[in-house]
């Protein structure tokens, strides 16, 4: 698929209303410090690597319906969670990550994400903290989580769809086989520069790329 700057700008004009509505939902989580929604987004982002976003969100809702999302980790078995993680790759590892996240962010079944993560120091600092302290979150997943709870200033969610678009546009020379922290930050800086060049805000640009690659807007 060939892509040009004009394609990006046209797509932005077409979907910016729907994306704006989505971002308002994320901003509401941040504004209200909605702990339950923040923890749901965290679990969602722990599930997403190499798996379809819609399937991962369905799993989150199923875990919530089954009473396993906010339950204390001591009161449930890993098998109970694993049995509900259907259609998601690496479910054994991801089950362990969810249990660890519960131990870190739940107290007596009450989520404490906003109380634990140093959001007050800005999105970039919070992202490094998440990558360092939450097992299962890399830079992409931590960025995705932050965007989904309203902390999206200047950060990029570098998944394969977005990297492929950046390659096609000549923003990067080629898709990297792996994303180290150094490489992630370097590509993010290039995307930030491209965002200014095409006059499309960063927090809209990943939605534009995702829409161009998949034909839909999700999370």
N, C-alpha and C. Protein backbone atom coordinates (compact mmCIF):
# COMPACT_ATOMS: atom_id res chain seq x y z
N UNK A 1 0.84 -1.20 0.00
CA UNK A 1 0.00 0.00 0.00
C UNK A 1 0.88 1.25 0.00
N UNK A 2 0.66 2.10 -0.99
CA UNK A 2 1.37 3.37 -1.04
C UNK A 2 0.65 4.40 -0.18
N UNK A 3 1.42 5.23 0.50
CA UNK A 3 0.85 6.28 1.34
C UNK A 3 1.57 7.59 1.08
N UNK A 4 0.81 8.67 1.13
CA UNK A 4 1.37 10.01 0.96
C UNK A 4 0.84 10.91 2.06
N UNK A 5 1.52 12.03 2.27
CA UNK A 5 1.10 12.96 3.31
C UNK A 5 -0.37 13.37 3.13
N UNK A 6 -0.77 13.53 1.87
CA UNK A 6 -2.16 13.94 1.59
C UNK A 6 -3.15 12.89 2.07
N UNK A 7 -2.77 11.61 1.99
CA UNK A 7 -3.63 10.53 2.49
C UNK A 7 -3.83 10.66 4.00
N UNK A 8 -2.77 11.00 4.70
CA UNK A 8 -2.83 11.17 6.16
C UNK A 8 -3.76 12.31 6.51
N UNK A 9 -3.61 13.42 5.83
CA UNK A 9 -4.42 14.60 6.13
C UNK A 9 -5.89 14.37 5.80
N UNK A 10 -6.16 13.70 4.66
CA UNK A 10 -7.56 13.41 4.29
C UNK A 10 -8.21 12.47 5.30
N UNK A 11 -7.46 11.45 5.71
CA UNK A 11 -8.00 10.50 6.69
C UNK A 11 -8.26 11.19 8.03
N UNK A 12 -7.36 12.07 8.42
CA UNK A 12 -7.52 12.81 9.67
C UNK A 12 -8.82 13.62 9.64
N UNK A 13 -9.07 14.32 8.53
CA UNK A 13 -10.29 15.11 8.42
C UNK A 13 -11.53 14.23 8.48
N UNK A 14 -11.43 13.02 7.92
CA UNK A 14 -12.57 12.11 7.87
C UNK A 14 -12.92 11.53 9.24
N UNK A 15 -11.91 11.22 10.05
CA UNK A 15 -12.19 10.49 11.30
C UNK A 15 -11.97 11.31 12.56
N UNK A 16 -11.55 12.57 12.42
CA UNK A 16 -11.16 13.31 13.63
C UNK A 16 -12.31 13.50 14.61
N UNK A 17 -13.56 13.56 14.11
CA UNK A 17 -14.69 13.68 15.02
C UNK A 17 -14.86 12.45 15.88
N UNK A 18 -14.81 11.28 15.25
CA UNK A 18 -14.94 10.02 15.99
C UNK A 18 -13.77 9.80 16.94
N UNK A 19 -12.57 10.15 16.48
CA UNK A 19 -11.39 10.01 17.35
C UNK A 19 -11.49 10.97 18.52
N UNK A 20 -11.97 12.19 18.26
CA UNK A 20 -12.14 13.17 19.34
C UNK A 20 -13.08 12.66 20.41
N UNK A 21 -14.16 12.00 19.99
CA UNK A 21 -15.11 11.42 20.96
C UNK A 21 -14.43 10.33 21.79
N UNK A 22 -13.60 9.52 21.13
CA UNK A 22 -12.88 8.46 21.83
C UNK A 22 -11.91 9.06 22.84
N UNK A 23 -11.19 10.09 22.44
CA UNK A 23 -10.22 10.72 23.34
C UNK A 23 -10.92 11.36 24.54
N UNK A 24 -12.12 11.87 24.34
CA UNK A 24 -12.87 12.45 25.47
C UNK A 24 -13.20 11.38 26.51
N UNK A 25 -13.50 10.17 26.03
CA UNK A 25 -13.74 9.07 26.96
C UNK A 25 -12.50 8.76 27.79
N UNK A 26 -11.34 8.78 27.12
CA UNK A 26 -10.08 8.53 27.82
C UNK A 26 -9.78 9.65 28.82
N UNK A 27 -10.02 10.88 28.39
CA UNK A 27 -9.75 12.04 29.25
C UNK A 27 -10.63 12.02 30.50
N UNK A 28 -11.84 11.49 30.36
CA UNK A 28 -12.76 11.40 31.50
C UNK A 28 -12.20 10.47 32.57
N UNK A 29 -11.56 9.38 32.16
CA UNK A 29 -10.93 8.47 33.12
C UNK A 29 -9.86 9.22 33.90
N UNK A 30 -9.07 10.00 33.20
CA UNK A 30 -8.00 10.79 33.83
C UNK A 30 -8.58 11.85 34.76
N UNK A 31 -9.57 12.57 34.27
CA UNK A 31 -10.15 13.68 35.04
C UNK A 31 -10.80 13.19 36.32
N UNK A 32 -11.52 12.07 36.22
CA UNK A 32 -12.25 11.55 37.38
C UNK A 32 -11.40 10.59 38.21
N UNK A 33 -10.18 10.31 37.72
CA UNK A 33 -9.32 9.32 38.37
C UNK A 33 -10.09 8.04 38.65
N UNK A 34 -10.71 7.54 37.59
CA UNK A 34 -11.56 6.36 37.69
C UNK A 34 -10.67 5.11 37.80
N UNK A 35 -10.49 4.64 39.01
CA UNK A 35 -9.57 3.54 39.28
C UNK A 35 -10.00 2.23 38.60
N UNK A 36 -11.30 1.96 38.60
CA UNK A 36 -11.78 0.71 38.01
C UNK A 36 -11.51 0.68 36.51
N UNK A 37 -11.82 1.77 35.82
CA UNK A 37 -11.60 1.82 34.38
C UNK A 37 -10.10 1.79 34.06
N UNK A 38 -9.30 2.43 34.89
CA UNK A 38 -7.85 2.43 34.67
C UNK A 38 -7.30 1.02 34.80
N UNK A 39 -7.77 0.27 35.79
CA UNK A 39 -7.27 -1.11 35.95
C UNK A 39 -7.73 -1.99 34.79
N UNK A 40 -8.94 -1.78 34.32
CA UNK A 40 -9.43 -2.54 33.16
C UNK A 40 -8.55 -2.28 31.94
N UNK A 41 -8.16 -1.02 31.74
CA UNK A 41 -7.30 -0.68 30.60
C UNK A 41 -5.90 -1.29 30.79
N UNK A 42 -5.44 -1.36 32.01
CA UNK A 42 -4.14 -1.97 32.28
C UNK A 42 -4.16 -3.46 31.91
N UNK A 43 -5.18 -4.16 32.34
CA UNK A 43 -5.30 -5.58 32.02
C UNK A 43 -5.44 -5.77 30.51
N UNK A 44 -6.21 -4.91 29.88
CA UNK A 44 -6.36 -4.95 28.42
C UNK A 44 -5.00 -4.85 27.73
N UNK A 45 -4.18 -3.91 28.17
CA UNK A 45 -2.87 -3.70 27.53
C UNK A 45 -1.89 -4.82 27.85
N UNK A 46 -2.07 -5.50 28.97
CA UNK A 46 -1.26 -6.68 29.26
C UNK A 46 -1.60 -7.84 28.32
N UNK A 47 -2.82 -7.84 27.82
CA UNK A 47 -3.28 -8.92 26.94
C UNK A 47 -2.94 -8.69 25.47
N UNK A 48 -2.74 -7.43 25.07
CA UNK A 48 -2.70 -7.10 23.64
C UNK A 48 -1.50 -7.57 22.83
N UNK A 49 -0.30 -7.77 23.39
CA UNK A 49 0.82 -8.14 22.52
C UNK A 49 0.51 -9.36 21.63
N UNK A 50 0.66 -9.15 20.32
CA UNK A 50 0.46 -10.19 19.30
C UNK A 50 -0.95 -10.79 19.33
N UNK A 51 -1.91 -10.01 19.79
CA UNK A 51 -3.30 -10.47 19.84
C UNK A 51 -4.22 -9.33 19.39
N UNK A 52 -5.41 -9.69 18.92
CA UNK A 52 -6.34 -8.70 18.41
C UNK A 52 -6.96 -7.91 19.56
N UNK A 53 -6.99 -6.59 19.39
CA UNK A 53 -7.47 -5.70 20.45
C UNK A 53 -8.91 -6.01 20.84
N UNK A 54 -9.77 -6.24 19.85
CA UNK A 54 -11.18 -6.52 20.15
C UNK A 54 -11.33 -7.78 20.99
N UNK A 55 -10.55 -8.79 20.67
CA UNK A 55 -10.60 -10.06 21.43
C UNK A 55 -10.12 -9.83 22.87
N UNK A 56 -9.07 -9.04 23.01
CA UNK A 56 -8.52 -8.76 24.35
C UNK A 56 -9.52 -8.00 25.21
N UNK A 57 -10.21 -7.04 24.62
CA UNK A 57 -11.20 -6.29 25.39
C UNK A 57 -12.37 -7.19 25.80
N UNK A 58 -12.75 -8.09 24.92
CA UNK A 58 -13.80 -9.05 25.25
C UNK A 58 -13.40 -9.91 26.44
N UNK A 59 -12.13 -10.31 26.49
CA UNK A 59 -11.63 -11.10 27.62
C UNK A 59 -11.72 -10.29 28.92
N UNK A 60 -11.35 -9.00 28.86
CA UNK A 60 -11.44 -8.14 30.04
C UNK A 60 -12.87 -8.11 30.56
N UNK A 61 -13.82 -7.94 29.67
CA UNK A 61 -15.24 -7.88 30.07
C UNK A 61 -15.70 -9.22 30.64
N UNK A 62 -15.20 -10.31 30.08
CA UNK A 62 -15.57 -11.64 30.59
C UNK A 62 -14.98 -11.88 31.98
N UNK A 63 -13.75 -11.42 32.19
CA UNK A 63 -13.13 -11.53 33.51
C UNK A 63 -13.93 -10.73 34.54
N UNK A 64 -14.38 -9.54 34.13
CA UNK A 64 -15.17 -8.69 35.03
C UNK A 64 -16.51 -9.36 35.35
N UNK A 65 -17.16 -9.89 34.32
CA UNK A 65 -18.46 -10.55 34.51
C UNK A 65 -18.35 -11.76 35.43
N UNK A 66 -17.22 -12.47 35.32
CA UNK A 66 -17.02 -13.67 36.14
C UNK A 66 -16.54 -13.33 37.56
N UNK A 67 -16.35 -12.05 37.85
CA UNK A 67 -15.90 -11.64 39.18
C UNK A 67 -14.43 -11.89 39.42
N UNK A 68 -13.65 -12.02 38.34
CA UNK A 68 -12.22 -12.34 38.47
C UNK A 68 -11.31 -11.14 38.21
N UNK A 69 -11.88 -10.03 37.75
CA UNK A 69 -11.03 -8.89 37.40
C UNK A 69 -10.52 -8.15 38.63
N UNK A 70 -11.41 -7.89 39.57
CA UNK A 70 -11.03 -7.11 40.76
C UNK A 70 -10.88 -7.97 42.01
N UNK A 71 -11.01 -9.28 41.86
CA UNK A 71 -10.88 -10.15 43.03
C UNK A 71 -9.42 -10.23 43.47
N UNK A 72 -9.22 -10.36 44.77
CA UNK A 72 -7.87 -10.45 45.31
C UNK A 72 -7.17 -11.69 44.76
N UNK A 73 -5.91 -11.59 44.37
CA UNK A 73 -5.20 -12.73 43.76
C UNK A 73 -5.10 -13.94 44.67
N UNK A 74 -5.14 -13.69 45.98
CA UNK A 74 -5.05 -14.80 46.93
C UNK A 74 -6.32 -15.66 46.94
N UNK A 75 -7.42 -15.10 46.43
CA UNK A 75 -8.70 -15.79 46.50
C UNK A 75 -9.06 -16.55 45.22
N UNK A 76 -8.19 -16.46 44.22
CA UNK A 76 -8.46 -17.15 42.96
C UNK A 76 -7.22 -17.91 42.51
N UNK A 77 -7.42 -18.83 41.59
CA UNK A 77 -6.28 -19.57 41.04
C UNK A 77 -5.95 -19.02 39.65
N UNK A 78 -4.71 -19.21 39.23
CA UNK A 78 -4.31 -18.77 37.90
C UNK A 78 -5.17 -19.47 36.84
N UNK A 79 -5.54 -20.71 37.11
CA UNK A 79 -6.31 -21.48 36.14
C UNK A 79 -7.65 -20.84 35.86
N UNK A 80 -8.26 -20.24 36.87
CA UNK A 80 -9.56 -19.60 36.68
C UNK A 80 -9.47 -18.46 35.66
N UNK A 81 -8.39 -17.69 35.76
CA UNK A 81 -8.18 -16.59 34.80
C UNK A 81 -7.81 -17.15 33.44
N UNK A 82 -6.89 -18.08 33.43
CA UNK A 82 -6.39 -18.64 32.17
C UNK A 82 -7.53 -19.25 31.34
N UNK A 83 -8.50 -19.85 32.00
CA UNK A 83 -9.61 -20.49 31.30
C UNK A 83 -10.48 -19.48 30.54
N UNK A 84 -10.45 -18.22 30.97
CA UNK A 84 -11.25 -17.19 30.30
C UNK A 84 -10.46 -16.42 29.24
N UNK A 85 -9.16 -16.64 29.17
CA UNK A 85 -8.35 -15.94 28.18
C UNK A 85 -8.35 -16.75 26.89
N UNK A 86 -9.40 -16.55 26.12
CA UNK A 86 -9.58 -17.28 24.87
C UNK A 86 -9.21 -16.39 23.68
N UNK A 87 -8.53 -16.98 22.71
CA UNK A 87 -8.18 -16.24 21.51
C UNK A 87 -7.04 -15.28 21.67
N UNK A 88 -6.34 -15.36 22.80
CA UNK A 88 -5.22 -14.47 23.09
C UNK A 88 -3.94 -15.31 23.15
N UNK A 89 -2.91 -14.86 22.49
CA UNK A 89 -1.65 -15.60 22.47
C UNK A 89 -0.93 -15.50 23.81
N UNK A 90 -0.12 -16.50 24.11
CA UNK A 90 0.71 -16.54 25.33
C UNK A 90 -0.12 -16.37 26.60
N UNK A 91 -1.25 -17.08 26.65
CA UNK A 91 -2.18 -16.85 27.75
C UNK A 91 -1.62 -17.26 29.11
N UNK A 92 -0.72 -18.22 29.14
CA UNK A 92 -0.13 -18.62 30.43
C UNK A 92 0.70 -17.47 31.01
N UNK A 93 1.55 -16.88 30.17
CA UNK A 93 2.36 -15.75 30.63
C UNK A 93 1.48 -14.56 31.00
N UNK A 94 0.49 -14.29 30.18
CA UNK A 94 -0.37 -13.13 30.42
C UNK A 94 -1.22 -13.31 31.68
N UNK A 95 -1.59 -14.55 31.97
CA UNK A 95 -2.28 -14.82 33.23
C UNK A 95 -1.38 -14.44 34.41
N UNK A 96 -0.11 -14.81 34.33
CA UNK A 96 0.83 -14.47 35.40
C UNK A 96 0.98 -12.95 35.52
N UNK A 97 1.01 -12.24 34.38
CA UNK A 97 1.14 -10.78 34.42
C UNK A 97 -0.08 -10.13 35.08
N UNK A 98 -1.27 -10.69 34.80
CA UNK A 98 -2.49 -10.15 35.42
C UNK A 98 -2.46 -10.36 36.92
N UNK A 99 -2.03 -11.55 37.35
CA UNK A 99 -1.93 -11.83 38.79
C UNK A 99 -0.96 -10.85 39.46
N UNK A 100 0.18 -10.63 38.83
CA UNK A 100 1.17 -9.69 39.39
C UNK A 100 0.62 -8.27 39.44
N UNK A 101 -0.14 -7.89 38.40
CA UNK A 101 -0.75 -6.55 38.38
C UNK A 101 -1.77 -6.42 39.51
N UNK A 102 -2.50 -7.50 39.76
CA UNK A 102 -3.45 -7.49 40.87
C UNK A 102 -2.73 -7.27 42.20
N UNK A 103 -1.60 -7.97 42.37
CA UNK A 103 -0.85 -7.85 43.61
C UNK A 103 -0.30 -6.44 43.80
N UNK A 104 0.02 -5.78 42.68
CA UNK A 104 0.59 -4.44 42.75
C UNK A 104 -0.49 -3.36 42.92
N UNK A 105 -1.62 -3.51 42.23
CA UNK A 105 -2.57 -2.40 42.13
C UNK A 105 -3.91 -2.62 42.82
N UNK A 106 -4.15 -3.81 43.40
CA UNK A 106 -5.40 -4.03 44.12
C UNK A 106 -5.15 -4.15 45.61
N UNK A 107 -6.04 -3.56 46.39
CA UNK A 107 -6.00 -3.73 47.84
C UNK A 107 -7.42 -4.05 48.29
N UNK A 108 -7.61 -5.28 48.77
CA UNK A 108 -8.94 -5.74 49.18
C UNK A 108 -9.96 -5.57 48.06
N UNK A 109 -9.52 -5.86 46.83
CA UNK A 109 -10.42 -5.78 45.69
C UNK A 109 -10.64 -4.39 45.14
N UNK A 110 -9.95 -3.40 45.70
CA UNK A 110 -10.10 -2.01 45.25
C UNK A 110 -8.87 -1.60 44.46
N UNK A 111 -9.03 -1.18 43.19
CA UNK A 111 -7.86 -0.79 42.39
C UNK A 111 -7.29 0.56 42.82
N UNK A 112 -5.97 0.68 42.74
CA UNK A 112 -5.27 1.89 43.20
C UNK A 112 -4.24 2.36 42.16
N UNK A 113 -4.63 2.34 40.90
CA UNK A 113 -3.71 2.68 39.82
C UNK A 113 -3.25 4.14 39.93
N UNK A 114 -4.19 5.04 40.09
CA UNK A 114 -3.84 6.47 40.16
C UNK A 114 -3.04 6.81 41.41
N UNK A 115 -3.20 6.01 42.44
CA UNK A 115 -2.44 6.24 43.67
C UNK A 115 -1.03 5.68 43.60
N UNK A 116 -0.81 4.70 42.73
CA UNK A 116 0.49 4.03 42.65
C UNK A 116 1.41 4.59 41.57
N UNK A 117 0.85 4.92 40.41
CA UNK A 117 1.68 5.36 39.28
C UNK A 117 1.95 6.86 39.39
N UNK A 118 3.19 7.30 39.21
CA UNK A 118 3.53 8.72 39.37
C UNK A 118 3.13 9.57 38.16
N UNK A 119 1.82 9.64 37.89
CA UNK A 119 1.33 10.41 36.75
C UNK A 119 1.66 11.89 36.86
N UNK A 120 1.79 12.37 38.09
CA UNK A 120 2.03 13.80 38.28
C UNK A 120 3.36 14.26 37.68
N UNK A 121 4.24 13.32 37.37
CA UNK A 121 5.55 13.66 36.81
C UNK A 121 5.55 13.63 35.28
N UNK A 122 4.36 13.45 34.70
CA UNK A 122 4.23 13.51 33.25
C UNK A 122 4.19 12.14 32.59
N UNK A 123 3.70 12.12 31.35
CA UNK A 123 3.49 10.86 30.63
C UNK A 123 4.78 10.09 30.38
N UNK A 124 5.85 10.81 30.02
CA UNK A 124 7.10 10.14 29.68
C UNK A 124 7.72 9.46 30.91
N UNK A 125 7.67 10.15 32.05
CA UNK A 125 8.19 9.55 33.28
C UNK A 125 7.32 8.37 33.71
N UNK A 126 5.99 8.56 33.64
CA UNK A 126 5.07 7.49 34.03
C UNK A 126 5.28 6.26 33.17
N UNK A 127 5.56 6.46 31.89
CA UNK A 127 5.79 5.32 31.00
C UNK A 127 7.02 4.53 31.42
N UNK A 128 8.11 5.22 31.71
CA UNK A 128 9.33 4.53 32.14
C UNK A 128 9.09 3.78 33.44
N UNK A 129 8.32 4.38 34.32
CA UNK A 129 8.00 3.72 35.60
C UNK A 129 7.21 2.44 35.35
N UNK A 130 6.23 2.53 34.47
CA UNK A 130 5.40 1.36 34.16
C UNK A 130 6.23 0.24 33.55
N UNK A 131 7.09 0.57 32.60
CA UNK A 131 7.94 -0.44 31.95
C UNK A 131 8.85 -1.10 32.97
N UNK A 132 9.36 -0.33 33.90
CA UNK A 132 10.28 -0.84 34.91
C UNK A 132 9.57 -1.69 35.97
N UNK A 133 8.35 -1.31 36.30
CA UNK A 133 7.70 -1.91 37.47
C UNK A 133 6.56 -2.89 37.18
N UNK A 134 5.99 -2.85 35.99
CA UNK A 134 4.86 -3.72 35.68
C UNK A 134 5.30 -4.78 34.68
N UNK A 135 5.44 -6.00 35.14
CA UNK A 135 5.88 -7.09 34.27
C UNK A 135 4.83 -7.34 33.19
N UNK A 136 5.30 -7.41 31.94
CA UNK A 136 4.39 -7.62 30.82
C UNK A 136 4.13 -6.37 30.01
N UNK A 137 4.55 -5.21 30.53
CA UNK A 137 4.40 -3.95 29.80
C UNK A 137 5.74 -3.52 29.20
N UNK A 138 5.80 -3.46 27.88
CA UNK A 138 6.93 -2.83 27.21
C UNK A 138 6.56 -1.39 26.90
N UNK A 139 7.39 -0.71 26.12
CA UNK A 139 7.11 0.69 25.79
C UNK A 139 5.81 0.84 25.00
N UNK A 140 5.56 -0.09 24.08
CA UNK A 140 4.33 -0.01 23.29
C UNK A 140 3.10 -0.17 24.17
N UNK A 141 3.10 -1.20 25.02
CA UNK A 141 1.94 -1.47 25.86
C UNK A 141 1.74 -0.36 26.90
N UNK A 142 2.83 0.14 27.48
CA UNK A 142 2.72 1.22 28.45
C UNK A 142 2.18 2.48 27.80
N UNK A 143 2.62 2.75 26.56
CA UNK A 143 2.12 3.92 25.82
C UNK A 143 0.63 3.76 25.53
N UNK A 144 0.24 2.56 25.14
CA UNK A 144 -1.17 2.27 24.85
C UNK A 144 -2.02 2.48 26.10
N UNK A 145 -1.56 1.98 27.22
CA UNK A 145 -2.27 2.15 28.48
C UNK A 145 -2.43 3.62 28.83
N UNK A 146 -1.33 4.37 28.74
CA UNK A 146 -1.39 5.79 29.08
C UNK A 146 -2.35 6.54 28.17
N UNK A 147 -2.30 6.25 26.88
CA UNK A 147 -3.23 6.90 25.94
C UNK A 147 -4.68 6.61 26.32
N UNK A 148 -4.94 5.36 26.70
CA UNK A 148 -6.31 4.94 26.98
C UNK A 148 -6.87 5.46 28.30
N UNK A 149 -6.03 6.08 29.11
CA UNK A 149 -6.55 6.70 30.33
C UNK A 149 -6.28 8.21 30.32
N UNK A 150 -6.03 8.75 29.12
CA UNK A 150 -5.97 10.20 28.97
C UNK A 150 -4.61 10.86 29.05
N UNK A 151 -3.54 10.06 29.23
CA UNK A 151 -2.18 10.63 29.31
C UNK A 151 -1.47 10.36 27.98
N UNK A 152 -1.81 11.11 26.96
CA UNK A 152 -1.32 10.78 25.62
C UNK A 152 -0.38 11.83 25.02
N UNK A 153 -0.01 12.83 25.81
CA UNK A 153 0.83 13.89 25.27
C UNK A 153 2.18 13.35 24.81
N UNK A 154 2.47 13.52 23.52
CA UNK A 154 3.81 13.27 22.97
C UNK A 154 4.25 11.81 22.99
N UNK A 155 3.35 10.87 23.16
CA UNK A 155 3.77 9.47 23.16
C UNK A 155 3.18 8.74 21.94
N UNK A 156 3.90 7.72 21.48
CA UNK A 156 3.47 6.95 20.31
C UNK A 156 3.28 5.49 20.69
N UNK A 157 2.26 4.88 20.09
CA UNK A 157 2.01 3.45 20.27
C UNK A 157 2.55 2.75 19.03
N UNK A 158 3.77 2.28 19.11
CA UNK A 158 4.45 1.76 17.92
C UNK A 158 4.17 0.27 17.72
N UNK A 159 2.94 -0.02 17.27
CA UNK A 159 2.63 -1.41 16.92
C UNK A 159 2.97 -1.64 15.45
N UNK A 160 2.74 -2.85 14.97
CA UNK A 160 3.19 -3.20 13.62
C UNK A 160 2.46 -2.40 12.55
N UNK A 161 1.18 -2.05 12.78
CA UNK A 161 0.44 -1.26 11.80
C UNK A 161 1.06 0.13 11.65
N UNK A 162 1.38 0.73 12.77
CA UNK A 162 1.94 2.08 12.74
C UNK A 162 3.36 2.07 12.18
N UNK A 163 4.15 1.09 12.56
CA UNK A 163 5.51 0.99 12.03
C UNK A 163 5.50 0.78 10.52
N UNK A 164 4.56 -0.02 10.04
CA UNK A 164 4.47 -0.27 8.60
C UNK A 164 4.10 1.01 7.85
N UNK A 165 3.20 1.80 8.42
CA UNK A 165 2.84 3.09 7.82
C UNK A 165 4.03 4.04 7.82
N UNK A 166 4.77 4.07 8.90
CA UNK A 166 5.95 4.95 8.99
C UNK A 166 7.00 4.56 7.96
N UNK A 167 7.13 3.26 7.75
CA UNK A 167 8.07 2.78 6.74
C UNK A 167 7.61 3.19 5.33
N UNK A 168 6.33 2.99 5.05
CA UNK A 168 5.79 3.32 3.74
C UNK A 168 5.94 4.81 3.43
N UNK A 169 5.78 5.63 4.45
CA UNK A 169 5.88 7.08 4.29
C UNK A 169 7.32 7.58 4.26
N UNK A 170 8.27 6.69 4.53
CA UNK A 170 9.68 7.08 4.54
C UNK A 170 10.13 7.75 5.83
N UNK A 171 9.27 7.68 6.86
CA UNK A 171 9.65 8.27 8.15
C UNK A 171 10.75 7.44 8.80
N UNK A 172 10.68 6.11 8.61
CA UNK A 172 11.76 5.21 9.03
C UNK A 172 12.21 4.41 7.81
N UNK A 173 13.44 3.96 7.82
CA UNK A 173 13.99 3.23 6.67
C UNK A 173 13.35 1.86 6.49
N UNK A 174 13.16 1.16 7.61
CA UNK A 174 12.53 -0.16 7.56
C UNK A 174 11.96 -0.52 8.92
N UNK A 175 11.03 -1.46 8.90
CA UNK A 175 10.44 -1.91 10.16
C UNK A 175 11.50 -2.63 10.99
N UNK A 176 11.69 -2.24 12.24
CA UNK A 176 12.67 -2.94 13.08
C UNK A 176 12.18 -4.32 13.48
N UNK A 177 13.12 -5.27 13.58
CA UNK A 177 12.75 -6.62 14.01
C UNK A 177 12.42 -6.64 15.49
N UNK A 178 13.13 -5.84 16.25
CA UNK A 178 12.85 -5.70 17.68
C UNK A 178 12.89 -4.22 18.04
N UNK A 179 12.23 -3.88 19.16
CA UNK A 179 12.19 -2.48 19.59
C UNK A 179 12.82 -2.36 20.97
N UNK A 180 14.10 -2.00 21.01
CA UNK A 180 14.74 -1.67 22.28
C UNK A 180 14.24 -0.29 22.72
N UNK A 181 14.50 0.07 23.94
CA UNK A 181 14.09 1.39 24.43
C UNK A 181 14.69 2.50 23.55
N UNK A 182 15.97 2.37 23.26
CA UNK A 182 16.65 3.39 22.44
C UNK A 182 16.01 3.51 21.07
N UNK A 183 15.72 2.38 20.44
CA UNK A 183 15.12 2.38 19.10
C UNK A 183 13.69 2.91 19.15
N UNK A 184 12.96 2.53 20.18
CA UNK A 184 11.57 3.01 20.33
C UNK A 184 11.55 4.53 20.42
N UNK A 185 12.39 5.08 21.28
CA UNK A 185 12.41 6.52 21.49
C UNK A 185 12.87 7.27 20.24
N UNK A 186 13.79 6.66 19.50
CA UNK A 186 14.26 7.29 18.26
C UNK A 186 13.14 7.37 17.22
N UNK A 187 12.40 6.27 17.06
CA UNK A 187 11.28 6.25 16.10
C UNK A 187 10.18 7.20 16.57
N UNK A 188 9.95 7.23 17.87
CA UNK A 188 8.93 8.13 18.42
C UNK A 188 9.27 9.58 18.10
N UNK A 189 10.53 9.95 18.21
CA UNK A 189 10.94 11.32 17.89
C UNK A 189 10.68 11.62 16.41
N UNK A 190 10.95 10.64 15.54
CA UNK A 190 10.70 10.82 14.11
C UNK A 190 9.21 10.96 13.83
N UNK A 191 8.40 10.18 14.53
CA UNK A 191 6.95 10.27 14.36
C UNK A 191 6.44 11.62 14.86
N UNK A 192 7.01 12.11 15.95
CA UNK A 192 6.62 13.41 16.50
C UNK A 192 6.92 14.52 15.49
N UNK A 193 8.07 14.42 14.84
CA UNK A 193 8.46 15.41 13.82
C UNK A 193 7.52 15.32 12.62
N UNK A 194 7.20 14.09 12.20
CA UNK A 194 6.28 13.90 11.08
C UNK A 194 4.90 14.44 11.42
N UNK A 195 4.47 14.25 12.65
CA UNK A 195 3.17 14.75 13.11
C UNK A 195 3.07 16.26 12.91
N UNK A 196 4.11 16.96 13.26
CA UNK A 196 4.13 18.42 13.07
C UNK A 196 4.16 18.79 11.59
N UNK A 197 4.89 17.98 10.82
CA UNK A 197 5.04 18.25 9.39
C UNK A 197 3.71 18.13 8.64
N UNK A 198 2.87 17.17 9.04
CA UNK A 198 1.58 16.98 8.36
C UNK A 198 0.44 17.67 9.09
N UNK A 199 0.77 18.31 10.21
CA UNK A 199 -0.22 19.07 10.99
C UNK A 199 -1.36 18.17 11.51
N UNK A 200 -0.96 16.99 11.99
CA UNK A 200 -1.90 16.06 12.62
C UNK A 200 -1.35 15.74 14.01
N UNK A 201 -2.08 16.06 15.09
CA UNK A 201 -1.57 15.82 16.44
C UNK A 201 -1.18 14.36 16.66
N UNK A 202 -0.17 14.14 17.46
CA UNK A 202 0.33 12.78 17.72
C UNK A 202 -0.78 11.85 18.20
N UNK A 203 -1.64 12.35 19.10
CA UNK A 203 -2.67 11.49 19.67
C UNK A 203 -3.79 11.19 18.69
N UNK A 204 -3.79 11.85 17.54
CA UNK A 204 -4.69 11.49 16.45
C UNK A 204 -3.97 10.63 15.41
N UNK A 205 -2.68 10.83 15.29
CA UNK A 205 -1.93 10.20 14.20
C UNK A 205 -1.94 8.68 14.29
N UNK A 206 -1.80 8.11 15.51
CA UNK A 206 -1.80 6.65 15.60
C UNK A 206 -3.17 6.09 15.23
N UNK A 207 -4.25 6.83 15.54
CA UNK A 207 -5.59 6.42 15.12
C UNK A 207 -5.72 6.46 13.60
N UNK A 208 -5.13 7.50 12.99
CA UNK A 208 -5.16 7.62 11.53
C UNK A 208 -4.44 6.43 10.90
N UNK A 209 -3.24 6.13 11.38
CA UNK A 209 -2.49 5.00 10.84
C UNK A 209 -3.25 3.69 11.03
N UNK A 210 -3.83 3.53 12.21
CA UNK A 210 -4.55 2.30 12.51
C UNK A 210 -5.77 2.15 11.60
N UNK A 211 -6.44 3.28 11.35
CA UNK A 211 -7.61 3.27 10.48
C UNK A 211 -7.20 2.93 9.04
N UNK A 212 -6.11 3.52 8.58
CA UNK A 212 -5.64 3.24 7.23
C UNK A 212 -5.25 1.78 7.05
N UNK A 213 -4.73 1.18 8.12
CA UNK A 213 -4.28 -0.21 8.05
C UNK A 213 -5.42 -1.21 8.24
N UNK A 214 -6.43 -0.85 9.05
CA UNK A 214 -7.46 -1.83 9.43
C UNK A 214 -8.87 -1.42 9.02
N UNK A 215 -9.07 -0.14 8.72
CA UNK A 215 -10.40 0.33 8.35
C UNK A 215 -11.33 0.52 9.52
N UNK A 216 -10.78 0.61 10.74
CA UNK A 216 -11.65 0.78 11.91
C UNK A 216 -10.95 1.60 13.00
N UNK A 217 -11.77 2.07 13.92
CA UNK A 217 -11.28 2.78 15.11
C UNK A 217 -11.71 1.96 16.32
N UNK A 218 -10.76 1.64 17.18
CA UNK A 218 -11.16 0.87 18.37
C UNK A 218 -10.57 1.53 19.60
N UNK A 219 -9.53 0.93 20.18
CA UNK A 219 -8.93 1.46 21.40
C UNK A 219 -7.44 1.64 21.17
